[in-house]
C-alpha atoms as a PDB file:
ATOM      1  CA  MET A   1      -9.686 -16.846 -18.697  1.00  0.00           C
ATOM      2  CA  GLN A   2     -10.727 -14.784 -15.720  1.00  0.00           C
ATOM      3  CA  ALA A   3      -9.856 -11.268 -14.585  1.00  0.00           C
ATOM      4  CA  GLY A   4      -8.079 -12.624 -11.502  1.00  0.00           C
ATOM      5  CA  ASP A   5      -5.617 -14.881 -13.309  1.00  0.00           C
ATOM      6  CA  GLY A   6      -2.863 -12.228 -13.346  1.00  0.00           C
ATOM      7  CA  THR A   7      -2.793 -11.872 -17.128  1.00  0.00           C
ATOM      8  CA  HIS A   8      -5.818  -9.588 -17.364  1.00  0.00           C
ATOM      9  CA  ASP A   9      -4.630  -6.666 -15.237  1.00  0.00           C
ATOM     10  CA  VAL A  10      -4.751  -3.113 -16.587  1.00  0.00           C
ATOM     11  CA  LEU A  11      -2.363  -0.685 -14.910  1.00  0.00           C
ATOM     12  CA  TYR A  12      -4.055   2.073 -12.915  1.00  0.00           C
ATOM     13  CA  GLU A  13      -2.284   4.851 -14.810  1.00  0.00           C
ATOM     14  CA  ASN A  14      -2.899   3.355 -18.278  1.00  0.00           C
ATOM     15  CA  LEU A  15      -5.856   5.448 -19.456  1.00  0.00           C
ATOM     16  CA  ASN A  16      -5.959   4.026 -22.989  1.00  0.00           C
ATOM     17  CA  PRO A  17      -4.864   0.393 -22.809  1.00  0.00           C
ATOM     18  CA  ILE A  18      -4.116  -1.354 -26.097  1.00  0.00           C
ATOM     19  CA  GLY A  19      -4.066  -5.038 -26.890  1.00  0.00           C
ATOM     20  CA  LEU A  20      -7.202  -5.923 -24.947  1.00  0.00           C
ATOM     21  CA  ASN A  21      -9.193  -8.820 -26.336  1.00  0.00           C
ATOM     22  CA  SER A  22     -12.868  -8.205 -27.016  1.00  0.00           C
ATOM     23  CA  GLY A  23     -15.169 -10.294 -24.851  1.00  0.00           C
ATOM     24  CA  GLU A  24     -12.574 -10.854 -22.096  1.00  0.00           C
ATOM     25  CA  VAL A  25     -12.869  -9.387 -18.620  1.00  0.00           C
ATOM     26  CA  TYR A  26     -10.068  -7.216 -17.242  1.00  0.00           C
ATOM     27  CA  ARG A  27      -9.422  -5.644 -13.865  1.00  0.00           C
ATOM     28  CA  ARG A  28      -7.795  -2.411 -12.725  1.00  0.00           C
ATOM     29  CA  LEU A  29      -6.502  -1.703  -9.219  1.00  0.00           C
ATOM     30  CA  LEU A  30      -8.512   1.226  -7.841  1.00  0.00           C
ATOM     31  CA  GLU A  31      -7.668   1.009  -4.171  1.00  0.00           C
ATOM     32  CA  ARG A  32      -5.542  -1.091  -1.864  1.00  0.00           C
ATOM     33  CA  MET A  33      -5.759  -1.021   1.913  1.00  0.00           C
ATOM     34  CA  ARG A  34      -3.984  -3.012   4.586  1.00  0.00           C
ATOM     35  CA  THR A  35      -4.907  -3.284   8.259  1.00  0.00           C
ATOM     36  CA  TYR A  36      -2.837  -4.794  11.046  1.00  0.00           C
ATOM     37  CA  TYR A  37      -4.569  -5.891  14.254  1.00  0.00           C
ATOM     38  CA  ARG A  38      -3.492  -5.950  17.893  1.00  0.00           C
ATOM     39  CA  PRO A  39      -3.618  -9.126  19.980  1.00  0.00           C
ATOM     40  CA  ASP A  40      -6.616  -9.433  22.293  1.00  0.00           C
ATOM     41  CA  ASP A  41      -4.370  -9.215  25.380  1.00  0.00           C
ATOM     42  CA  MET A  42      -2.513  -6.152  23.959  1.00  0.00           C
ATOM     43  CA  SER A  43       0.846  -7.858  24.624  1.00  0.00           C
ATOM     44  CA  VAL A  44       3.949  -7.596  22.465  1.00  0.00           C
ATOM     45  CA  THR A  45       6.118 -10.690  22.097  1.00  0.00           C
ATOM     46  CA  ALA A  46       9.010 -11.624  19.851  1.00  0.00           C
ATOM     47  CA  THR A  47       6.603 -13.005  17.248  1.00  0.00           C
ATOM     48  CA  ARG A  48       4.618  -9.762  17.091  1.00  0.00           C
ATOM     49  CA  ASN A  49       5.839  -6.531  15.576  1.00  0.00           C
ATOM     50  CA  PRO A  50       5.155  -3.717  18.083  1.00  0.00           C
ATOM     51  CA  ASN A  51       4.732  -1.220  15.239  1.00  0.00           C
ATOM     52  CA  PHE A  52       2.194  -3.280  13.315  1.00  0.00           C
ATOM     53  CA  GLY A  53       0.639  -5.638  15.844  1.00  0.00           C
ATOM     54  CA  LEU A  54      -0.095  -9.166  14.671  1.00  0.00           C
ATOM     55  CA  ALA A  55       1.362 -10.567  11.462  1.00  0.00           C
ATOM     56  CA  LEU A  56      -0.389  -9.679   8.228  1.00  0.00           C
ATOM     57  CA  GLY A  57      -3.463 -11.861   7.738  1.00  0.00           C
ATOM     58  CA  LYS A  58      -3.837 -12.650  11.453  1.00  0.00           C
ATOM     59  CA  VAL A  59      -6.672 -11.373  13.617  1.00  0.00           C
ATOM     60  CA  GLU A  60      -7.915 -12.364  17.048  1.00  0.00           C
ATOM     61  CA  THR A  61     -11.438 -12.403  18.498  1.00  0.00           C
ATOM     62  CA  LEU A  62     -11.699  -8.701  19.414  1.00  0.00           C
ATOM     63  CA  ALA A  63     -10.216  -7.516  16.080  1.00  0.00           C
ATOM     64  CA  LEU A  64      -8.503  -4.490  17.669  1.00  0.00           C
ATOM     65  CA  PRO A  65      -6.994  -2.354  14.903  1.00  0.00           C
ATOM     66  CA  ALA A  66      -3.303  -1.483  15.335  1.00  0.00           C
ATOM     67  CA  SER A  67      -2.493   0.395  12.142  1.00  0.00           C
ATOM     68  CA  GLY A  68      -3.860   0.919   8.668  1.00  0.00           C
ATOM     69  CA  TYR A  69      -2.310   1.779   5.340  1.00  0.00           C
ATOM     70  CA  LYS A  70      -3.814   2.932   2.061  1.00  0.00           C
ATOM     71  CA  LEU A  71      -2.069   2.891  -1.314  1.00  0.00           C
ATOM     72  CA  ALA A  72      -1.081   6.404  -2.349  1.00  0.00           C
ATOM     73  CA  PHE A  73       1.096   5.852  -5.432  1.00  0.00           C
ATOM     74  CA  THR A  74       1.727   3.085  -7.922  1.00  0.00           C
ATOM     75  CA  PRO A  75       5.232   2.867  -9.467  1.00  0.00           C
ATOM     76  CA  GLY A  76       3.857   3.923 -12.862  1.00  0.00           C
ATOM     77  CA  LEU A  77       1.936   6.852 -11.427  1.00  0.00           C
ATOM     78  CA  ILE A  78       5.067   8.215  -9.756  1.00  0.00           C
ATOM     79  CA  SER A  79       7.045   8.052 -12.993  1.00  0.00           C
ATOM     80  CA  GLN A  80       4.233   9.765 -14.943  1.00  0.00           C
ATOM     81  CA  ALA A  81       3.268  12.437 -12.425  1.00  0.00           C
ATOM     82  CA  TYR A  82       6.714  13.493 -11.246  1.00  0.00           C
ATOM     83  CA  GLN A  83       8.403  14.491 -14.479  1.00  0.00           C
ATOM     84  CA  ARG A  84       9.154  17.693 -16.344  1.00  0.00           C
ATOM     85  CA  ASN A  85       9.993  17.763 -20.057  1.00  0.00           C
ATOM     86  CA  GLY A  86      10.491  14.004 -19.969  1.00  0.00           C
ATOM     87  CA  ALA A  87      13.005  14.125 -17.094  1.00  0.00           C
ATOM     88  CA  ALA A  88      12.199  12.347 -13.836  1.00  0.00           C
ATOM     89  CA  LEU A  89      11.826  14.754 -10.924  1.00  0.00           C
ATOM     90  CA  LEU A  90      12.154  11.855  -8.475  1.00  0.00           C
ATOM     91  CA  PRO A  91      14.846   9.534  -9.863  1.00  0.00           C
ATOM     92  CA  THR A  92      14.729   7.563  -6.590  1.00  0.00           C
ATOM     93  CA  PRO A  93      11.218   8.147  -5.201  1.00  0.00           C
ATOM     94  CA  ALA A  94      11.826   6.210  -1.981  1.00  0.00           C
ATOM     95  CA  ASN A  95      14.452   8.748  -0.888  1.00  0.00           C
ATOM     96  CA  VAL A  96      11.923  11.596  -0.907  1.00  0.00           C
ATOM     97  CA  LEU A  97       8.557   9.931  -0.375  1.00  0.00           C
ATOM     98  CA  GLY A  98       9.828   7.595   2.325  1.00  0.00           C
ATOM     99  CA  SER A  99      11.769  10.218   4.231  1.00  0.00           C
ATOM    100  CA  VAL A 100      10.395  11.306   7.590  1.00  0.00           C
ATOM    101  CA  ALA A 101      12.521  14.485   7.539  1.00  0.00           C
ATOM    102  CA  ALA A 102      10.850  17.901   7.294  1.00  0.00           C
ATOM    103  CA  ASP A 103      11.085  17.852   3.485  1.00  0.00           C
ATOM    104  CA  GLY A 104      10.016  14.205   3.111  1.00  0.00           C
ATOM    105  CA  GLY A 105       6.681  12.598   2.471  1.00  0.00           C
ATOM    106  CA  GLY A 106       6.678  10.112   5.338  1.00  0.00           C
ATOM    107  CA  TYR A 107       5.160   7.376   3.176  1.00  0.00           C
ATOM    108  CA  VAL A 108       5.924   3.726   3.822  1.00  0.00           C
ATOM    109  CA  ASP A 109       6.759   0.983   1.349  1.00  0.00           C
ATOM    110  CA  LEU A 110       5.229  -2.186   2.780  1.00  0.00           C
ATOM    111  CA  ASP A 111       6.178  -4.421  -0.130  1.00  0.00           C
ATOM    112  CA  LYS A 112       7.191  -4.130  -3.754  1.00  0.00           C
ATOM    113  CA  MET A 113       3.555  -3.893  -4.899  1.00  0.00           C
ATOM    114  CA  VAL A 114       2.676  -1.043  -2.561  1.00  0.00           C
ATOM    115  CA  THR A 115       5.072   1.738  -3.441  1.00  0.00           C
ATOM    116  CA  GLY A 116       3.592   4.250  -1.061  1.00  0.00           C
ATOM    117  CA  GLY A 117       0.988   4.407   1.609  1.00  0.00           C
ATOM    118  CA  TYR A 118      -0.461   6.880   3.992  1.00  0.00           C
ATOM    119  CA  PRO A 119       1.224   6.840   7.389  1.00  0.00           C
ATOM    120  CA  PRO A 120      -0.523   4.482   9.795  1.00  0.00           C
ATOM    121  CA  ASP A 121      -3.616   5.445  11.711  1.00  0.00           C
ATOM    122  CA  ALA A 122      -2.784   5.339  15.376  1.00  0.00           C
ATOM    123  CA  CYS A 123      -5.316   3.255  17.293  1.00  0.00           C
ATOM    124  CA  PHE A 124      -4.858   3.058  21.033  1.00  0.00           C
ATOM    125  CA  THR A 125      -7.067   1.140  23.371  1.00  0.00           C
ATOM    126  CA  ARG A 126      -6.885   0.604  27.108  1.00  0.00           C
ATOM    127  CA  PRO A 127      -7.727  -2.718  28.713  1.00  0.00           C
ATOM    128  CA  PRO A 128     -10.668  -2.506  31.159  1.00  0.00           C
END
C-alpha cells in the first residue's frame, strides 16, 4: 500500500487520527493551489473561459498566468471552526463564504474537493 492510493489519507482537521496501521505511510493535505493560464495570443474563444483562461491542465509556450486559487477551507474545517455550543454557525457555508455581497467572503468553490479558495490573482499582460 502507498500513501497515494486514496485509502491512506488523513483529514487536515483530524489532529489525533485513530485506526492508523503501524508501518504504513499516510498523507495529509497541507496546501492545494490551482493556476489557470492564458493562451499565448491572449485571445478568448468559445473553448476558453474568459474568467479562467485555458482549461485546467492546459498551458501554452509562454505560460502566462490568468488566475490562481489557494485552498482556504476544507469541509471538515468549516464544520469544526464555525460552531458554538455544538450548533453550526454556518449551516450552508456556500451562502456566506461564496457571497460577493458586502457581508460575504467572496470565496469560490471550484469543485467539490475545494470548498473555498482565495479570490483569483488578477494577472494582466499586454502584447508587445
